[in-house]
N, C-alpha and C. Protein backbone atom coordinates (compact mmCIF):
# COMPACT_ATOMS: atom_id res chain seq x y z
N MET A 1 0.64 -1.21 -0.15
CA MET A 1 0.01 0.15 0.09
C MET A 1 0.67 1.10 0.08
N THR A 2 0.58 2.07 -1.09
CA THR A 2 1.26 3.40 -1.13
C THR A 2 0.62 4.24 0.06
N THR A 3 1.76 5.24 0.43
CA THR A 3 1.37 6.36 1.72
C THR A 3 1.32 7.69 0.67
N ASP A 4 1.02 8.34 1.34
CA ASP A 4 0.68 9.79 0.84
C ASP A 4 2.04 10.36 0.50
N ARG A 5 3.21 10.00 1.34
CA ARG A 5 4.41 10.47 1.37
C ARG A 5 5.05 9.87 -0.33
N GLU A 6 4.53 8.49 -0.53
CA GLU A 6 5.37 7.82 -1.80
C GLU A 6 4.70 8.54 -2.70
N GLU A 7 3.36 8.56 -2.91
CA GLU A 7 2.69 9.28 -3.92
C GLU A 7 3.17 10.67 -4.24
N LEU A 8 3.33 11.52 -3.02
CA LEU A 8 3.97 12.68 -3.70
C LEU A 8 5.23 12.50 -4.13
N ARG A 9 5.96 11.61 -3.58
CA ARG A 9 7.38 11.50 -4.40
C ARG A 9 7.44 11.16 -5.76
N GLU A 10 6.31 10.42 -6.14
CA GLU A 10 6.37 9.77 -7.36
C GLU A 10 5.71 10.90 -8.17
N LEU A 11 4.84 11.69 -7.79
CA LEU A 11 4.33 12.99 -8.48
C LEU A 11 5.40 13.73 -8.57
N ALA A 12 6.43 14.08 -7.78
CA ALA A 12 7.33 15.06 -7.96
C ALA A 12 8.27 14.49 -8.93
N GLU A 13 8.73 13.09 -9.04
CA GLU A 13 9.64 12.63 -10.03
C GLU A 13 9.07 12.45 -11.68
N THR A 14 7.56 12.55 -11.73
CA THR A 14 6.72 12.65 -13.04
C THR A 14 6.87 14.22 -13.17
N VAL A 15 6.70 14.83 -12.40
CA VAL A 15 7.01 16.42 -12.70
C VAL A 15 8.22 16.83 -13.25
N GLU A 16 9.35 16.56 -12.45
CA GLU A 16 10.70 16.47 -12.79
C GLU A 16 11.02 15.81 -14.07
N ARG A 17 10.37 14.68 -14.31
CA ARG A 17 10.82 14.09 -15.95
C ARG A 17 9.94 14.85 -17.02
N LEU A 18 9.06 15.71 -16.71
CA LEU A 18 7.87 16.26 -17.50
C LEU A 18 8.66 17.81 -18.02
N HIS A 19 9.25 18.30 -16.78
CA HIS A 19 10.25 19.34 -16.93
C HIS A 19 11.28 19.10 -17.78
N ARG A 20 12.17 18.10 -17.70
CA ARG A 20 13.08 17.63 -18.53
C ARG A 20 12.78 17.28 -19.93
N GLU A 21 11.73 16.81 -20.18
CA GLU A 21 10.99 16.70 -21.46
C GLU A 21 10.69 18.01 -22.19
N THR A 22 10.18 18.76 -21.25
CA THR A 22 9.79 20.22 -22.12
C THR A 22 10.81 21.05 -22.25
N VAL A 23 12.01 20.70 -21.59
CA VAL A 23 13.35 21.76 -21.93
C VAL A 23 13.74 20.89 -23.17
N LYS A 24 13.74 19.69 -23.31
CA LYS A 24 14.46 19.15 -24.55
C LYS A 24 13.37 19.70 -25.81
N ILE A 25 12.42 19.60 -25.62
CA ILE A 25 11.35 19.96 -26.80
C ILE A 25 11.62 21.59 -26.69
N ALA A 26 11.78 22.19 -26.16
CA ALA A 26 12.24 23.65 -26.26
C ALA A 26 13.43 23.65 -26.80
N GLU A 27 14.44 23.03 -26.44
CA GLU A 27 15.80 22.97 -27.31
C GLU A 27 15.46 22.36 -28.49
N LEU A 28 15.02 21.48 -28.92
CA LEU A 28 14.67 20.80 -30.19
C LEU A 28 13.77 21.89 -31.08
N THR A 29 12.96 22.60 -30.72
CA THR A 29 12.07 24.09 -31.21
C THR A 29 13.29 24.93 -31.91
N LYS A 30 14.29 25.19 -31.17
CA LYS A 30 15.14 26.22 -31.51
C LYS A 30 15.90 25.87 -32.32
N VAL A 31 16.46 24.36 -32.55
CA VAL A 31 17.29 23.74 -33.57
C VAL A 31 16.52 23.65 -34.60
N LEU A 32 15.15 23.16 -34.69
CA LEU A 32 14.28 23.36 -35.81
C LEU A 32 13.95 24.68 -36.37
N ALA A 33 13.99 25.84 -35.70
CA ALA A 33 13.96 27.09 -35.99
C ALA A 33 14.93 27.71 -36.68
N ALA A 34 16.35 27.32 -36.20
CA ALA A 34 17.57 27.22 -36.88
C ALA A 34 17.52 27.08 -38.07
N ALA A 35 17.12 25.70 -38.17
CA ALA A 35 17.16 24.76 -39.68
C ALA A 35 16.51 25.28 -40.43
N LEU A 36 15.42 25.72 -40.17
CA LEU A 36 14.29 26.18 -40.78
C LEU A 36 15.03 27.66 -41.66
N ALA A 37 15.50 28.45 -40.67
CA ALA A 37 16.14 30.14 -41.00
C ALA A 37 16.99 29.50 -42.06
N SER A 38 17.98 28.51 -41.89
CA SER A 38 19.09 28.28 -42.72
C SER A 38 18.25 28.00 -44.13
N LEU A 39 17.44 26.90 -44.28
CA LEU A 39 16.95 26.45 -45.49
C LEU A 39 16.05 27.74 -46.41
N ASN A 40 15.69 28.79 -45.07
CA ASN A 40 14.83 29.96 -46.09
C ASN A 40 16.27 30.74 -46.91
N ALA A 41 17.48 30.94 -46.07
CA ALA A 41 18.50 31.31 -46.62
C ALA A 41 19.10 30.80 -47.71
N ILE A 42 18.95 29.58 -47.79
CA ILE A 42 19.40 28.73 -48.88
C ILE A 42 18.42 28.65 -50.16
N GLU A 43 17.15 28.81 -50.08
CA GLU A 43 16.17 29.16 -51.22
C GLU A 43 16.49 30.39 -51.58
N GLN A 44 16.46 31.49 -50.66
CA GLN A 44 17.02 33.07 -51.38
C GLN A 44 18.31 33.17 -52.08
N LEU A 45 19.13 32.45 -51.53
CA LEU A 45 20.43 32.29 -52.36
C LEU A 45 20.12 31.50 -53.92
N GLY A 46 19.22 30.71 -53.80
CA GLY A 46 18.96 30.13 -55.24
C GLY A 46 18.02 30.80 -55.91
N ASP A 47 17.19 31.74 -55.36
CA ASP A 47 16.27 32.59 -56.14
C ASP A 47 17.27 33.87 -56.85
N ASP A 48 18.20 34.37 -55.68
CA ASP A 48 19.02 35.26 -56.30
C ASP A 48 20.03 34.78 -57.33
N ALA A 49 20.44 33.62 -57.50
CA ALA A 49 21.34 32.82 -58.41
C ALA A 49 20.38 33.14 -59.90
N GLN A 50 19.14 32.65 -59.42
CA GLN A 50 18.39 32.36 -60.82
C GLN A 50 17.64 33.96 -61.56
N LEU A 51 17.71 34.64 -60.41
CA LEU A 51 17.67 36.26 -61.21
C LEU A 51 18.86 36.73 -61.81
N ALA A 52 20.16 36.60 -61.05
CA ALA A 52 21.17 36.98 -61.66
C ALA A 52 21.44 36.14 -63.05
N ASN A 53 21.31 34.65 -63.36
CA ASN A 53 21.16 34.18 -64.36
C ASN A 53 20.44 34.97 -65.50
N VAL A 54 19.30 35.34 -65.26
CA VAL A 54 18.51 35.70 -66.34
C VAL A 54 19.33 37.38 -66.66
N ASP A 55 19.39 38.04 -65.51
CA ASP A 55 20.12 39.40 -65.84
C ASP A 55 21.49 39.20 -66.82
N LEU A 56 22.14 38.18 -66.38
CA LEU A 56 23.18 37.88 -67.31
C LEU A 56 22.82 37.48 -68.85
N GLN A 57 21.39 36.67 -69.06
CA GLN A 57 21.31 36.44 -70.14
C GLN A 57 20.88 37.48 -71.00
N ASN A 58 20.42 38.57 -70.18
CA ASN A 58 19.70 39.66 -70.68
C ASN A 58 20.97 40.52 -71.40
N ILE A 59 21.95 40.64 -70.69
CA ILE A 59 23.27 41.42 -71.05
C ILE A 59 24.06 40.73 -72.16
N LEU A 60 24.03 39.40 -72.16
CA LEU A 60 24.68 38.83 -73.36
C LEU A 60 23.79 39.21 -74.62
N GLN A 61 22.33 38.81 -74.46
CA GLN A 61 21.74 39.24 -75.61
C GLN A 61 21.79 40.84 -76.22
N LYS A 62 22.00 41.42 -75.28
CA LYS A 62 22.11 43.14 -75.66
C LYS A 62 23.36 43.01 -76.26
N GLN A 63 24.56 42.25 -75.89
CA GLN A 63 25.70 42.35 -76.48
C GLN A 63 25.81 41.88 -78.01
N GLN A 64 25.20 40.55 -77.83
CA GLN A 64 24.98 40.09 -79.21
C GLN A 64 24.49 41.30 -80.26
N GLN A 65 23.50 41.81 -79.78
CA GLN A 65 22.49 42.63 -80.62
C GLN A 65 23.37 43.86 -81.15
N THR A 66 24.31 44.38 -80.07
CA THR A 66 25.18 45.49 -80.30
C THR A 66 26.35 45.00 -81.48
N LEU A 67 26.72 43.93 -81.06
CA LEU A 67 28.05 43.47 -82.01
C LEU A 67 27.17 42.75 -83.59
N GLN A 68 26.00 42.45 -83.55
CA GLN A 68 25.65 42.30 -84.89
C GLN A 68 25.12 43.69 -85.61
N ALA A 69 24.63 44.82 -84.85
CA ALA A 69 24.48 46.02 -85.30
C ALA A 69 25.97 46.71 -86.05
N MET A 70 26.88 46.60 -84.94
CA MET A 70 28.50 47.28 -85.46
C MET A 70 28.80 46.44 -86.79
N SER A 71 28.57 45.08 -86.94
CA SER A 71 28.57 44.21 -88.09
C SER A 71 28.05 44.82 -89.25
N ASN A 72 26.50 44.94 -89.10
CA ASN A 72 26.15 45.59 -90.39
C ASN A 72 26.71 47.13 -90.43
N ILE A 73 27.07 47.51 -89.74
CA ILE A 73 27.54 49.28 -89.80
C ILE A 73 28.72 49.02 -90.88
N SER A 74 29.36 48.18 -90.52
CA SER A 74 30.81 47.89 -90.94
C SER A 74 30.64 47.20 -92.49
N LYS A 75 29.59 46.51 -92.57
CA LYS A 75 29.39 46.00 -94.01
C LYS A 75 28.97 47.36 -94.68
N MET A 76 27.86 47.98 -94.49
CA MET A 76 27.31 49.20 -95.14
C MET A 76 28.83 50.08 -95.73
N LEU A 77 29.64 50.25 -94.42
CA LEU A 77 30.82 51.30 -94.76
C LEU A 77 31.67 50.83 -95.82
N ASN A 78 31.74 49.33 -95.72
CA ASN A 78 32.68 48.65 -96.59
C ASN A 78 32.04 48.72 -98.01
N ASP A 79 30.69 48.49 -98.09
CA ASP A 79 30.07 48.64 -99.54
C ASP A 79 30.31 49.87 -100.05
N THR A 80 30.09 50.87 -99.29
CA THR A 80 29.75 52.22 -99.70
C THR A 80 31.34 52.63 -100.21
N ALA A 81 32.04 52.27 -99.46
CA ALA A 81 33.59 52.49 -99.90
C ALA A 81 33.90 51.77 -101.53
N GLN A 82 33.78 50.66 -101.33
CA GLN A 82 33.74 49.43 -102.75
C GLN A 82 33.34 50.50 -103.69
N SER A 83 32.13 51.06 -103.58
CA SER A 83 31.19 51.70 -104.47
C SER A 83 31.61 53.17 -104.92
N VAL A 84 32.27 53.60 -104.26
CA VAL A 84 32.94 55.06 -104.56
C VAL A 84 34.18 54.61 -105.47
N ILE A 85 34.80 53.55 -104.60
CA ILE A 85 36.14 53.36 -105.77
C ILE A 85 35.66 52.94 -106.97
N ARG A 86 34.56 52.24 -107.16
CA ARG A 86 34.41 51.67 -108.57
C ARG A 86 33.87 53.09 -109.56
N LYS A 87 33.50 54.06 -108.85
CA LYS A 87 32.74 54.89 -109.64
C LYS A 87 34.14 56.07 -109.84
N ILE A 88 35.14 56.09 -109.10
CA ILE A 88 36.18 57.07 -109.03
C ILE A 88 37.14 56.03 -110.59
N GLY A 89 37.20 54.89 -110.19
CA GLY A 89 37.93 54.18 -110.93
C GLY A 89 37.08 54.01 -112.74
N GLY A 90 35.88 53.71 -112.61
CA GLY A 90 35.58 53.33 -113.64
C GLY A 90 34.76 54.25 -114.77
């Protein structure tokens, strides 16, 4: 037969175990929150990298267009010069 004193001791032990478990849960919650923050940061880096990639593609496209325009101007200047030379010589 258990006495009141034994029941109180068992209750105190149970409360102590529950307290330790609560502390563990709080610590795990902090670890999970930190992990989630890290994951969010990694996802943001991925988004930033994608945006940078799009920007780079746009820059390369503009560079290609500029190079094509310069090539067209060069060809026109060459054709004009050859036409003038033919008229002078011919």
